């Protein structure tokens, strides 16, 4: 098992049981498929998706503080 997968599983273990089951179903589905199909992109969002991919290629990622601020907006 990779270190990243081990960290992800540790994070999932801290979630409620129903969230753990949802993630487990997604993982099993991904592991069972030979090729993950891409979801269609709404044409209205295409420019944002392309810009995000360009940022990733340039290794321009959100800071930890920005990610934490984004998650604080959700009631988790």
C-alpha atoms as a PDB file:
ATOM      1  CA  UNK A   1       0.000   0.000   0.000  1.00  0.00           C
ATOM      2  CA  UNK A   2       1.311   3.447  -0.826  1.00  0.00           C
ATOM      3  CA  UNK A   3       1.840   6.100   1.812  1.00  0.00           C
ATOM      4  CA  UNK A   4      -0.810   8.308   0.188  1.00  0.00           C
ATOM      5  CA  UNK A   5      -3.412   5.538   0.232  1.00  0.00           C
ATOM      6  CA  UNK A   6      -2.553   4.778   3.850  1.00  0.00           C
ATOM      7  CA  UNK A   7      -3.065   8.466   4.739  1.00  0.00           C
ATOM      8  CA  UNK A   8      -6.361   8.541   2.848  1.00  0.00           C
ATOM      9  CA  UNK A   9      -7.632   5.477   4.684  1.00  0.00           C
ATOM     10  CA  UNK A  10      -6.627   6.982   8.023  1.00  0.00           C
ATOM     11  CA  UNK A  11      -8.634  10.103   7.160  1.00  0.00           C
ATOM     12  CA  UNK A  12     -11.639   8.020   6.106  1.00  0.00           C
ATOM     13  CA  UNK A  13     -11.531   6.069   9.390  1.00  0.00           C
ATOM     14  CA  UNK A  14     -12.286   9.328  11.226  1.00  0.00           C
ATOM     15  CA  UNK A  15     -15.513   9.860   9.245  1.00  0.00           C
ATOM     16  CA  UNK A  16     -18.980   8.629  10.244  1.00  0.00           C
ATOM     17  CA  UNK A  17     -19.887   5.092   9.127  1.00  0.00           C
ATOM     18  CA  UNK A  18     -22.239   6.202   6.342  1.00  0.00           C
ATOM     19  CA  UNK A  19     -19.520   8.409   4.812  1.00  0.00           C
ATOM     20  CA  UNK A  20     -17.018   5.548   5.104  1.00  0.00           C
ATOM     21  CA  UNK A  21     -19.422   3.245   3.234  1.00  0.00           C
ATOM     22  CA  UNK A  22     -19.950   5.809   0.472  1.00  0.00           C
ATOM     23  CA  UNK A  23     -16.209   6.199  -0.026  1.00  0.00           C
ATOM     24  CA  UNK A  24     -15.709   2.422   0.090  1.00  0.00           C
ATOM     25  CA  UNK A  25     -18.325   1.932  -2.651  1.00  0.00           C
ATOM     26  CA  UNK A  26     -16.582   4.544  -4.812  1.00  0.00           C
ATOM     27  CA  UNK A  27     -13.190   2.913  -4.248  1.00  0.00           C
ATOM     28  CA  UNK A  28     -14.517  -0.547  -5.121  1.00  0.00           C
ATOM     29  CA  UNK A  29     -16.159   0.814  -8.246  1.00  0.00           C
ATOM     30  CA  UNK A  30     -12.936   2.497  -9.356  1.00  0.00           C
ATOM     31  CA  UNK A  31     -10.836  -0.567  -8.583  1.00  0.00           C
ATOM     32  CA  UNK A  32     -13.196  -2.844 -10.530  1.00  0.00           C
ATOM     33  CA  UNK A  33     -13.253  -0.767 -13.694  1.00  0.00           C
ATOM     34  CA  UNK A  34     -10.527  -1.198 -16.263  1.00  0.00           C
ATOM     35  CA  UNK A  35     -10.882   2.369 -17.392  1.00  0.00           C
ATOM     36  CA  UNK A  36     -12.515   5.211 -15.510  1.00  0.00           C
ATOM     37  CA  UNK A  37     -14.893   7.062 -17.777  1.00  0.00           C
ATOM     38  CA  UNK A  38     -14.662  10.826 -17.795  1.00  0.00           C
ATOM     39  CA  UNK A  39     -17.764  12.685 -16.767  1.00  0.00           C
ATOM     40  CA  UNK A  40     -19.112  15.156 -19.293  1.00  0.00           C
ATOM     41  CA  UNK A  41     -18.161  18.784 -18.711  1.00  0.00           C
ATOM     42  CA  UNK A  42     -20.868  21.408 -18.829  1.00  0.00           C
ATOM     43  CA  UNK A  43     -19.872  23.796 -21.639  1.00  0.00           C
ATOM     44  CA  UNK A  44     -20.372  26.696 -19.222  1.00  0.00           C
ATOM     45  CA  UNK A  45     -17.584  25.268 -17.023  1.00  0.00           C
ATOM     46  CA  UNK A  46     -15.156  24.236 -19.757  1.00  0.00           C
ATOM     47  CA  UNK A  47     -13.024  27.395 -19.553  1.00  0.00           C
ATOM     48  CA  UNK A  48     -12.623  26.958 -15.783  1.00  0.00           C
ATOM     49  CA  UNK A  49     -11.701  23.279 -16.162  1.00  0.00           C
ATOM     50  CA  UNK A  50      -9.098  24.078 -18.821  1.00  0.00           C
ATOM     51  CA  UNK A  51      -7.616  26.845 -16.662  1.00  0.00           C
ATOM     52  CA  UNK A  52      -7.460  24.473 -13.686  1.00  0.00           C
ATOM     53  CA  UNK A  53      -5.615  21.891 -15.772  1.00  0.00           C
ATOM     54  CA  UNK A  54      -3.167  24.562 -16.945  1.00  0.00           C
ATOM     55  CA  UNK A  55      -2.572  25.624 -13.327  1.00  0.00           C
ATOM     56  CA  UNK A  56      -1.903  22.003 -12.372  1.00  0.00           C
ATOM     57  CA  UNK A  57       0.612  21.635 -15.206  1.00  0.00           C
ATOM     58  CA  UNK A  58       2.338  24.767 -13.865  1.00  0.00           C
ATOM     59  CA  UNK A  59       2.166  23.262 -10.355  1.00  0.00           C
ATOM     60  CA  UNK A  60       0.089  26.210  -9.140  1.00  0.00           C
ATOM     61  CA  UNK A  61      -1.945  24.685  -6.349  1.00  0.00           C
ATOM     62  CA  UNK A  62      -4.078  26.198  -3.612  1.00  0.00           C
ATOM     63  CA  UNK A  63      -2.295  26.851  -0.352  1.00  0.00           C
ATOM     64  CA  UNK A  64      -3.236  24.854   2.738  1.00  0.00           C
ATOM     65  CA  UNK A  65      -4.824  28.005   4.161  1.00  0.00           C
ATOM     66  CA  UNK A  66      -6.969  28.491   1.049  1.00  0.00           C
ATOM     67  CA  UNK A  67      -8.136  24.864   1.156  1.00  0.00           C
ATOM     68  CA  UNK A  68      -8.980  25.109   4.854  1.00  0.00           C
ATOM     69  CA  UNK A  69     -10.927  28.327   4.238  1.00  0.00           C
ATOM     70  CA  UNK A  70     -12.887  26.647   1.451  1.00  0.00           C
ATOM     71  CA  UNK A  71     -13.781  23.667   3.636  1.00  0.00           C
ATOM     72  CA  UNK A  72     -14.873  25.942   6.482  1.00  0.00           C
ATOM     73  CA  UNK A  73     -17.650  27.194   4.195  1.00  0.00           C
ATOM     74  CA  UNK A  74     -19.244  23.724   4.269  1.00  0.00           C
ATOM     75  CA  UNK A  75     -21.134  22.301   7.209  1.00  0.00           C
ATOM     76  CA  UNK A  76     -19.294  18.981   7.564  1.00  0.00           C
END
